[in-house]
Amino acid sequence: MSNIEVREKIAIAVLSAKAFANQVSLKITGHIFEFLGNKSTATKYNFDRYRRDLRTLVLQDTLDYKLRDIGNWLLNQEFPIVIKYS
């Protein structure tokens, strides 16, 4: 197996892990507010900062492109294009 093939398989594994972590963390933070109620967003508690920080991270490291690349690999066996941020 060449270095390129190894790198491509690692890229798919990393994309899958990041996509899973993004989705789980968004669900968890959503459930936190359901459990704690509306008052948990008050500035004196500052619980909403976790959701804001997470949303900023997810927006900068877009989930849609990861899911597209994973789906393209699953359906067409085409590995993601290697770019600076992958």
PDB file of N, CA and C in Angstrom:
ATOM      1  N   MET A   1       0.858  -1.173   0.000  1.00  0.00           N
ATOM      2  CA  MET A   1       0.000   0.000   0.000  1.00  0.00           C
ATOM      3  C   MET A   1       0.905   1.238   0.000  1.00  0.00           C
ATOM      4  N   SER A   2       0.623   2.163  -0.876  1.00  0.00           N
ATOM      5  CA  SER A   2       1.453   3.358  -0.989  1.00  0.00           C
ATOM      6  C   SER A   2       1.099   4.383   0.089  1.00  0.00           C
ATOM      7  N   ASN A   3       1.968   5.357   0.224  1.00  0.00           N
ATOM      8  CA  ASN A   3       1.726   6.425   1.205  1.00  0.00           C
ATOM      9  C   ASN A   3       0.459   7.202   0.885  1.00  0.00           C
ATOM     10  N   ILE A   4       0.172   7.362  -0.387  1.00  0.00           N
ATOM     11  CA  ILE A   4      -1.033   8.112  -0.788  1.00  0.00           C
ATOM     12  C   ILE A   4      -2.290   7.353  -0.376  1.00  0.00           C
ATOM     13  N   GLU A   5      -2.306   6.035  -0.589  1.00  0.00           N
ATOM     14  CA  GLU A   5      -3.468   5.241  -0.202  1.00  0.00           C
ATOM     15  C   GLU A   5      -3.686   5.256   1.312  1.00  0.00           C
ATOM     16  N   VAL A   6      -2.586   5.176   2.048  1.00  0.00           N
ATOM     17  CA  VAL A   6      -2.679   5.218   3.513  1.00  0.00           C
ATOM     18  C   VAL A   6      -3.231   6.570   3.951  1.00  0.00           C
ATOM     19  N   ARG A   7      -2.727   7.635   3.359  1.00  0.00           N
ATOM     20  CA  ARG A   7      -3.181   8.988   3.704  1.00  0.00           C
ATOM     21  C   ARG A   7      -4.660   9.165   3.375  1.00  0.00           C
ATOM     22  N   GLU A   8      -5.113   8.596   2.251  1.00  0.00           N
ATOM     23  CA  GLU A   8      -6.519   8.711   1.870  1.00  0.00           C
ATOM     24  C   GLU A   8      -7.420   7.966   2.854  1.00  0.00           C
ATOM     25  N   LYS A   9      -7.003   6.790   3.286  1.00  0.00           N
ATOM     26  CA  LYS A   9      -7.810   6.036   4.247  1.00  0.00           C
ATOM     27  C   LYS A   9      -7.840   6.725   5.609  1.00  0.00           C
ATOM     28  N   ILE A  10      -6.725   7.300   5.992  1.00  0.00           N
ATOM     29  CA  ILE A  10      -6.692   8.063   7.242  1.00  0.00           C
ATOM     30  C   ILE A  10      -7.595   9.284   7.134  1.00  0.00           C
ATOM     31  N   ALA A  11      -7.616   9.933   5.963  1.00  0.00           N
ATOM     32  CA  ALA A  11      -8.472  11.113   5.760  1.00  0.00           C
ATOM     33  C   ALA A  11      -9.941  10.757   5.950  1.00  0.00           C
ATOM     34  N   ILE A  12     -10.367   9.615   5.425  1.00  0.00           N
ATOM     35  CA  ILE A  12     -11.760   9.184   5.592  1.00  0.00           C
ATOM     36  C   ILE A  12     -12.051   8.904   7.064  1.00  0.00           C
ATOM     37  N   ALA A  13     -11.125   8.259   7.757  1.00  0.00           N
ATOM     38  CA  ALA A  13     -11.330   7.967   9.186  1.00  0.00           C
ATOM     39  C   ALA A  13     -11.422   9.251   9.996  1.00  0.00           C
ATOM     40  N   VAL A  14     -10.570  10.223   9.697  1.00  0.00           N
ATOM     41  CA  VAL A  14     -10.593  11.500  10.423  1.00  0.00           C
ATOM     42  C   VAL A  14     -11.875  12.267  10.113  1.00  0.00           C
ATOM     43  N   LEU A  15     -12.282  12.296   8.850  1.00  0.00           N
ATOM     44  CA  LEU A  15     -13.526  12.970   8.483  1.00  0.00           C
ATOM     45  C   LEU A  15     -14.715  12.339   9.206  1.00  0.00           C
ATOM     46  N   SER A  16     -14.740  11.021   9.272  1.00  0.00           N
ATOM     47  CA  SER A  16     -15.839  10.329   9.950  1.00  0.00           C
ATOM     48  C   SER A  16     -15.869  10.663  11.437  1.00  0.00           C
ATOM     49  N   ALA A  17     -14.704  10.665  12.064  1.00  0.00           N
ATOM     50  CA  ALA A  17     -14.638  10.982  13.498  1.00  0.00           C
ATOM     51  C   ALA A  17     -15.070  12.421  13.765  1.00  0.00           C
ATOM     52  N   LYS A  18     -14.623  13.356  12.927  1.00  0.00           N
ATOM     53  CA  LYS A  18     -15.004  14.764  13.119  1.00  0.00           C
ATOM     54  C   LYS A  18     -16.497  14.957  12.901  1.00  0.00           C
ATOM     55  N   ALA A  19     -17.048  14.319  11.872  1.00  0.00           N
ATOM     56  CA  ALA A  19     -18.479  14.453  11.597  1.00  0.00           C
ATOM     57  C   ALA A  19     -19.298  13.890  12.756  1.00  0.00           C
ATOM     58  N   PHE A  20     -18.891  12.741  13.268  1.00  0.00           N
ATOM     59  CA  PHE A  20     -19.603  12.133  14.395  1.00  0.00           C
ATOM     60  C   PHE A  20     -19.524  13.029  15.635  1.00  0.00           C
ATOM     61  N   ALA A  21     -18.336  13.529  15.935  1.00  0.00           N
ATOM     62  CA  ALA A  21     -18.162  14.391  17.114  1.00  0.00           C
ATOM     63  C   ALA A  21     -18.976  15.673  16.994  1.00  0.00           C
ATOM     64  N   ASN A  22     -19.019  16.264  15.798  1.00  0.00           N
ATOM     65  CA  ASN A  22     -19.809  17.482  15.593  1.00  0.00           C
ATOM     66  C   ASN A  22     -21.284  17.228  15.836  1.00  0.00           C
ATOM     67  N   GLN A  23     -21.795  16.154  15.266  1.00  0.00           N
ATOM     68  CA  GLN A  23     -23.221  15.873  15.410  1.00  0.00           C
ATOM     69  C   GLN A  23     -23.593  15.547  16.856  1.00  0.00           C
ATOM     70  N   VAL A  24     -22.784  14.761  17.516  1.00  0.00           N
ATOM     71  CA  VAL A  24     -23.075  14.391  18.901  1.00  0.00           C
ATOM     72  C   VAL A  24     -23.007  15.615  19.808  1.00  0.00           C
ATOM     73  N   SER A  25     -21.988  16.443  19.635  1.00  0.00           N
ATOM     74  CA  SER A  25     -21.841  17.611  20.508  1.00  0.00           C
ATOM     75  C   SER A  25     -22.984  18.608  20.308  1.00  0.00           C
ATOM     76  N   LEU A  26     -23.453  18.768  19.084  1.00  0.00           N
ATOM     77  CA  LEU A  26     -24.595  19.659  18.857  1.00  0.00           C
ATOM     78  C   LEU A  26     -25.859  19.112  19.520  1.00  0.00           C
ATOM     79  N   LYS A  27     -26.048  17.811  19.448  1.00  0.00           N
ATOM     80  CA  LYS A  27     -27.212  17.213  20.109  1.00  0.00           C
ATOM     81  C   LYS A  27     -27.134  17.370  21.624  1.00  0.00           C
ATOM     82  N   ILE A  28     -25.957  17.133  22.169  1.00  0.00           N
ATOM     83  CA  ILE A  28     -25.791  17.217  23.620  1.00  0.00           C
ATOM     84  C   ILE A  28     -26.065  18.631  24.114  1.00  0.00           C
ATOM     85  N   THR A  29     -25.498  19.628  23.452  1.00  0.00           N
ATOM     86  CA  THR A  29     -25.720  20.997  23.923  1.00  0.00           C
ATOM     87  C   THR A  29     -27.186  21.393  23.777  1.00  0.00           C
ATOM     88  N   GLY A  30     -27.853  20.889  22.757  1.00  0.00           N
ATOM     89  CA  GLY A  30     -29.285  21.153  22.633  1.00  0.00           C
ATOM     90  C   GLY A  30     -30.079  20.540  23.774  1.00  0.00           C
ATOM     91  N   HIS A  31     -29.716  19.320  24.149  1.00  0.00           N
ATOM     92  CA  HIS A  31     -30.417  18.653  25.247  1.00  0.00           C
ATOM     93  C   HIS A  31     -30.108  19.285  26.603  1.00  0.00           C
ATOM     94  N   ILE A  32     -28.943  19.884  26.724  1.00  0.00           N
ATOM     95  CA  ILE A  32     -28.618  20.565  27.984  1.00  0.00           C
ATOM     96  C   ILE A  32     -29.640  21.663  28.266  1.00  0.00           C
ATOM     97  N   PHE A  33     -29.972  22.447  27.240  1.00  0.00           N
ATOM     98  CA  PHE A  33     -30.934  23.530  27.447  1.00  0.00           C
ATOM     99  C   PHE A  33     -32.346  23.001  27.652  1.00  0.00           C
ATOM    100  N   GLU A  34     -32.667  21.876  27.021  1.00  0.00           N
ATOM    101  CA  GLU A  34     -33.972  21.270  27.284  1.00  0.00           C
ATOM    102  C   GLU A  34     -34.066  20.815  28.738  1.00  0.00           C
ATOM    103  N   PHE A  35     -33.006  20.248  29.237  1.00  0.00           N
ATOM    104  CA  PHE A  35     -32.991  19.739  30.609  1.00  0.00           C
ATOM    105  C   PHE A  35     -32.959  20.868  31.634  1.00  0.00           C
ATOM    106  N   LEU A  36     -32.114  21.879  31.407  1.00  0.00           N
ATOM    107  CA  LEU A  36     -31.955  22.960  32.381  1.00  0.00           C
ATOM    108  C   LEU A  36     -33.046  24.025  32.286  1.00  0.00           C
ATOM    109  N   GLY A  37     -33.704  24.111  31.148  1.00  0.00           N
ATOM    110  CA  GLY A  37     -34.770  25.087  30.984  1.00  0.00           C
ATOM    111  C   GLY A  37     -34.289  26.414  30.416  1.00  0.00           C
ATOM    112  N   ASN A  38     -35.238  27.302  30.192  1.00  0.00           N
ATOM    113  CA  ASN A  38     -34.937  28.591  29.562  1.00  0.00           C
ATOM    114  C   ASN A  38     -34.044  29.482  30.410  1.00  0.00           C
ATOM    115  N   LYS A  39     -34.140  29.374  31.689  1.00  0.00           N
ATOM    116  CA  LYS A  39     -33.348  30.251  32.559  1.00  0.00           C
ATOM    117  C   LYS A  39     -31.858  29.926  32.526  1.00  0.00           C
ATOM    118  N   SER A  40     -31.502  28.774  31.980  1.00  0.00           N
ATOM    119  CA  SER A  40     -30.082  28.411  31.911  1.00  0.00           C
ATOM    120  C   SER A  40     -29.311  29.291  30.927  1.00  0.00           C
ATOM    121  N   THR A  41     -30.024  29.995  30.060  1.00  0.00           N
ATOM    122  CA  THR A  41     -29.349  30.890  29.121  1.00  0.00           C
ATOM    123  C   THR A  41     -29.099  32.269  29.715  1.00  0.00           C
ATOM    124  N   ALA A  42     -29.468  32.466  30.959  1.00  0.00           N
ATOM    125  CA  ALA A  42     -29.240  33.754  31.610  1.00  0.00           C
ATOM    126  C   ALA A  42     -27.738  34.030  31.689  1.00  0.00           C
ATOM    127  N   THR A  43     -27.384  35.296  31.589  1.00  0.00           N
ATOM    128  CA  THR A  43     -25.967  35.656  31.571  1.00  0.00           C
ATOM    129  C   THR A  43     -25.265  35.341  32.888  1.00  0.00           C
ATOM    130  N   LYS A  44     -26.007  35.280  33.977  1.00  0.00           N
ATOM    131  CA  LYS A  44     -25.347  34.981  35.254  1.00  0.00           C
ATOM    132  C   LYS A  44     -24.854  33.536  35.316  1.00  0.00           C
ATOM    133  N   TYR A  45     -25.492  32.614  34.550  1.00  0.00           N
ATOM    134  CA  TYR A  45     -25.032  31.220  34.511  1.00  0.00           C
ATOM    135  C   TYR A  45     -24.006  30.997  33.403  1.00  0.00           C
ATOM    136  N   ASN A  46     -24.199  31.670  32.290  1.00  0.00           N
ATOM    137  CA  ASN A  46     -23.270  31.626  31.152  1.00  0.00           C
ATOM    138  C   ASN A  46     -23.139  30.230  30.531  1.00  0.00           C
ATOM    139  N   PHE A  47     -24.195  29.403  30.617  1.00  0.00           N
ATOM    140  CA  PHE A  47     -24.151  28.086  30.002  1.00  0.00           C
ATOM    141  C   PHE A  47     -24.207  28.157  28.481  1.00  0.00           C
ATOM    142  N   ASP A  48     -24.792  29.203  27.951  1.00  0.00           N
ATOM    143  CA  ASP A  48     -24.927  29.291  26.504  1.00  0.00           C
ATOM    144  C   ASP A  48     -23.595  29.504  25.803  1.00  0.00           C
ATOM    145  N   ARG A  49     -22.543  29.824  26.522  1.00  0.00           N
ATOM    146  CA  ARG A  49     -21.240  30.033  25.875  1.00  0.00           C
ATOM    147  C   ARG A  49     -20.733  28.744  25.246  1.00  0.00           C
ATOM    148  N   TYR A  50     -21.072  27.581  25.825  1.00  0.00           N
ATOM    149  CA  TYR A  50     -20.638  26.312  25.255  1.00  0.00           C
ATOM    150  C   TYR A  50     -21.286  26.081  23.899  1.00  0.00           C
ATOM    151  N   ARG A  51     -22.554  26.406  23.822  1.00  0.00           N
ATOM    152  CA  ARG A  51     -23.256  26.258  22.542  1.00  0.00           C
ATOM    153  C   ARG A  51     -22.692  27.238  21.517  1.00  0.00           C
ATOM    154  N   ARG A  52     -22.442  28.472  21.933  1.00  0.00           N
ATOM    155  CA  ARG A  52     -21.867  29.459  21.008  1.00  0.00           C
ATOM    156  C   ARG A  52     -20.481  29.034  20.528  1.00  0.00           C
ATOM    157  N   ASP A  53     -19.650  28.585  21.446  1.00  0.00           N
ATOM    158  CA  ASP A  53     -18.304  28.145  21.070  1.00  0.00           C
ATOM    159  C   ASP A  53     -18.363  26.950  20.122  1.00  0.00           C
ATOM    160  N   LEU A  54     -19.255  26.038  20.404  1.00  0.00           N
ATOM    161  CA  LEU A  54     -19.394  24.867  19.552  1.00  0.00           C
ATOM    162  C   LEU A  54     -19.894  25.248  18.168  1.00  0.00           C
ATOM    163  N   ARG A  55     -20.882  26.120  18.101  1.00  0.00           N
ATOM    164  CA  ARG A  55     -21.401  26.555  16.797  1.00  0.00           C
ATOM    165  C   ARG A  55     -20.305  27.255  15.992  1.00  0.00           C
ATOM    166  N   THR A  56     -19.473  28.049  16.650  1.00  0.00           N
ATOM    167  CA  THR A  56     -18.371  28.713  15.950  1.00  0.00           C
ATOM    168  C   THR A  56     -17.405  27.680  15.398  1.00  0.00           C
ATOM    169  N   LEU A  57     -17.075  26.683  16.192  1.00  0.00           N
ATOM    170  CA  LEU A  57     -16.172  25.635  15.741  1.00  0.00           C
ATOM    171  C   LEU A  57     -16.758  24.857  14.572  1.00  0.00           C
ATOM    172  N   VAL A  58     -18.030  24.503  14.669  1.00  0.00           N
ATOM    173  CA  VAL A  58     -18.676  23.732  13.609  1.00  0.00           C
ATOM    174  C   VAL A  58     -18.773  24.554  12.325  1.00  0.00           C
ATOM    175  N   LEU A  59     -19.035  25.836  12.447  1.00  0.00           N
ATOM    176  CA  LEU A  59     -19.124  26.667  11.249  1.00  0.00           C
ATOM    177  C   LEU A  59     -17.771  26.855  10.577  1.00  0.00           C
ATOM    178  N   GLN A  60     -16.706  26.897  11.353  1.00  0.00           N
ATOM    179  CA  GLN A  60     -15.377  27.048  10.766  1.00  0.00           C
ATOM    180  C   GLN A  60     -14.863  25.740  10.186  1.00  0.00           C
ATOM    181  N   ASP A  61     -15.331  24.631  10.686  1.00  0.00           N
ATOM    182  CA  ASP A  61     -14.911  23.304  10.232  1.00  0.00           C
ATOM    183  C   ASP A  61     -16.157  22.599   9.706  1.00  0.00           C
ATOM    184  N   THR A  62     -16.633  23.030   8.546  1.00  0.00           N
ATOM    185  CA  THR A  62     -17.972  22.696   8.062  1.00  0.00           C
ATOM    186  C   THR A  62     -18.230  21.199   7.941  1.00  0.00           C
ATOM    187  N   LEU A  63     -19.350  20.797   8.486  1.00  0.00           N
ATOM    188  CA  LEU A  63     -19.784  19.414   8.503  1.00  0.00           C
ATOM    189  C   LEU A  63     -20.272  18.961   7.123  1.00  0.00           C
ATOM    190  N   ASP A  64     -20.881  19.862   6.369  1.00  0.00           N
ATOM    191  CA  ASP A  64     -21.435  19.492   5.063  1.00  0.00           C
ATOM    192  C   ASP A  64     -20.371  18.939   4.126  1.00  0.00           C
ATOM    193  N   TYR A  65     -19.208  19.549   4.097  1.00  0.00           N
ATOM    194  CA  TYR A  65     -18.141  19.071   3.214  1.00  0.00           C
ATOM    195  C   TYR A  65     -17.621  17.709   3.658  1.00  0.00           C
ATOM    196  N   LYS A  66     -17.573  17.489   4.956  1.00  0.00           N
ATOM    197  CA  LYS A  66     -17.135  16.196   5.465  1.00  0.00           C
ATOM    198  C   LYS A  66     -18.120  15.103   5.057  1.00  0.00           C
ATOM    199  N   LEU A  67     -19.397  15.374   5.253  1.00  0.00           N
ATOM    200  CA  LEU A  67     -20.411  14.390   4.902  1.00  0.00           C
ATOM    201  C   LEU A  67     -20.433  14.127   3.394  1.00  0.00           C
ATOM    202  N   ARG A  68     -20.216  15.164   2.603  1.00  0.00           N
ATOM    203  CA  ARG A  68     -20.150  14.991   1.155  1.00  0.00           C
ATOM    204  C   ARG A  68     -18.985  14.088   0.766  1.00  0.00           C
ATOM    205  N   ASP A  69     -17.826  14.322   1.350  1.00  0.00           N
ATOM    206  CA  ASP A  69     -16.649  13.516   1.024  1.00  0.00           C
ATOM    207  C   ASP A  69     -16.805  12.072   1.484  1.00  0.00           C
ATOM    208  N   ILE A  70     -17.389  11.873   2.665  1.00  0.00           N
ATOM    209  CA  ILE A  70     -17.624  10.513   3.154  1.00  0.00           C
ATOM    210  C   ILE A  70     -18.620   9.790   2.244  1.00  0.00           C
ATOM    211  N   GLY A  71     -19.693  10.476   1.890  1.00  0.00           N
ATOM    212  CA  GLY A  71     -20.690   9.887   0.986  1.00  0.00           C
ATOM    213  C   GLY A  71     -20.121   9.575  -0.379  1.00  0.00           C
ATOM    214  N   ASN A  72     -19.292  10.452  -0.899  1.00  0.00           N
ATOM    215  CA  ASN A  72     -18.664  10.217  -2.198  1.00  0.00           C
ATOM    216  C   ASN A  72     -17.756   8.996  -2.130  1.00  0.00           C
ATOM    217  N   TRP A  73     -17.072   8.810  -1.019  1.00  0.00           N
ATOM    218  CA  TRP A  73     -16.215   7.644  -0.857  1.00  0.00           C
ATOM    219  C   TRP A  73     -17.059   6.366  -0.748  1.00  0.00           C
ATOM    220  N   LEU A  74     -18.154   6.432   0.023  1.00  0.00           N
ATOM    221  CA  LEU A  74     -18.999   5.253   0.187  1.00  0.00           C
ATOM    222  C   LEU A  74     -19.666   4.835  -1.119  1.00  0.00           C
ATOM    223  N   LEU A  75     -20.136   5.808  -1.888  1.00  0.00           N
ATOM    224  CA  LEU A  75     -20.870   5.485  -3.119  1.00  0.00           C
ATOM    225  C   LEU A  75     -19.964   5.218  -4.313  1.00  0.00           C
ATOM    226  N   ASN A  76     -18.916   6.003  -4.461  1.00  0.00           N
ATOM    227  CA  ASN A  76     -18.093   5.945  -5.670  1.00  0.00           C
ATOM    228  C   ASN A  76     -16.666   5.468  -5.430  1.00  0.00           C
ATOM    229  N   GLN A  77     -16.319   5.206  -4.185  1.00  0.00           N
ATOM    230  CA  GLN A  77     -14.954   4.827  -3.819  1.00  0.00           C
ATOM    231  C   GLN A  77     -13.922   5.872  -4.255  1.00  0.00           C
ATOM    232  N   GLU A  78     -14.342   7.140  -4.244  1.00  0.00           N
ATOM    233  CA  GLU A  78     -13.438   8.244  -4.554  1.00  0.00           C
ATOM    234  C   GLU A  78     -13.034   8.907  -3.245  1.00  0.00           C
ATOM    235  N   PHE A  79     -11.733   8.977  -3.037  1.00  0.00           N
ATOM    236  CA  PHE A  79     -11.223   9.594  -1.828  1.00  0.00           C
ATOM    237  C   PHE A  79     -11.311  11.113  -1.925  1.00  0.00           C
ATOM    238  N   PRO A  80     -11.356  11.799  -0.796  1.00  0.00           N
ATOM    239  CA  PRO A  80     -11.435  13.266  -0.832  1.00  0.00           C
ATOM    240  C   PRO A  80     -10.179  13.878  -1.436  1.00  0.00           C
ATOM    241  N   ILE A  81     -10.360  15.026  -2.034  1.00  0.00           N
ATOM    242  CA  ILE A  81      -9.238  15.767  -2.605  1.00  0.00           C
ATOM    243  C   ILE A  81      -8.394  16.283  -1.465  1.00  0.00           C
ATOM    244  N   VAL A  82      -7.105  16.103  -1.584  1.00  0.00           N
ATOM    245  CA  VAL A  82      -6.201  16.544  -0.538  1.00  0.00           C
ATOM    246  C   VAL A  82      -6.015  18.058  -0.646  1.00  0.00           C
ATOM    247  N   ILE A  83      -6.400  18.765   0.407  1.00  0.00           N
ATOM    248  CA  ILE A  83      -6.205  20.204   0.465  1.00  0.00           C
ATOM    249  C   ILE A  83      -5.491  20.543   1.774  1.00  0.00           C
ATOM    250  N   LYS A  84      -5.202  21.778   1.939  1.00  0.00           N
ATOM    251  CA  LYS A  84      -4.457  22.220   3.107  1.00  0.00           C
ATOM    252  C   LYS A  84      -5.166  21.875   4.415  1.00  0.00           C
ATOM    253  N   TYR A  85      -6.490  21.926   4.446  1.00  0.00           N
ATOM    254  CA  TYR A  85      -7.248  21.756   5.682  1.00  0.00           C
ATOM    255  C   TYR A  85      -7.786  20.358   5.884  1.00  0.00           C
ATOM    256  N   SER A  86      -7.522  19.423   4.987  1.00  0.00           N
ATOM    257  CA  SER A  86      -8.070  18.076   5.146  1.00  0.00           C
ATOM    258  C   SER A  86      -7.125  17.182   5.915  1.00  0.00           C
TER     259      SER A  86
END
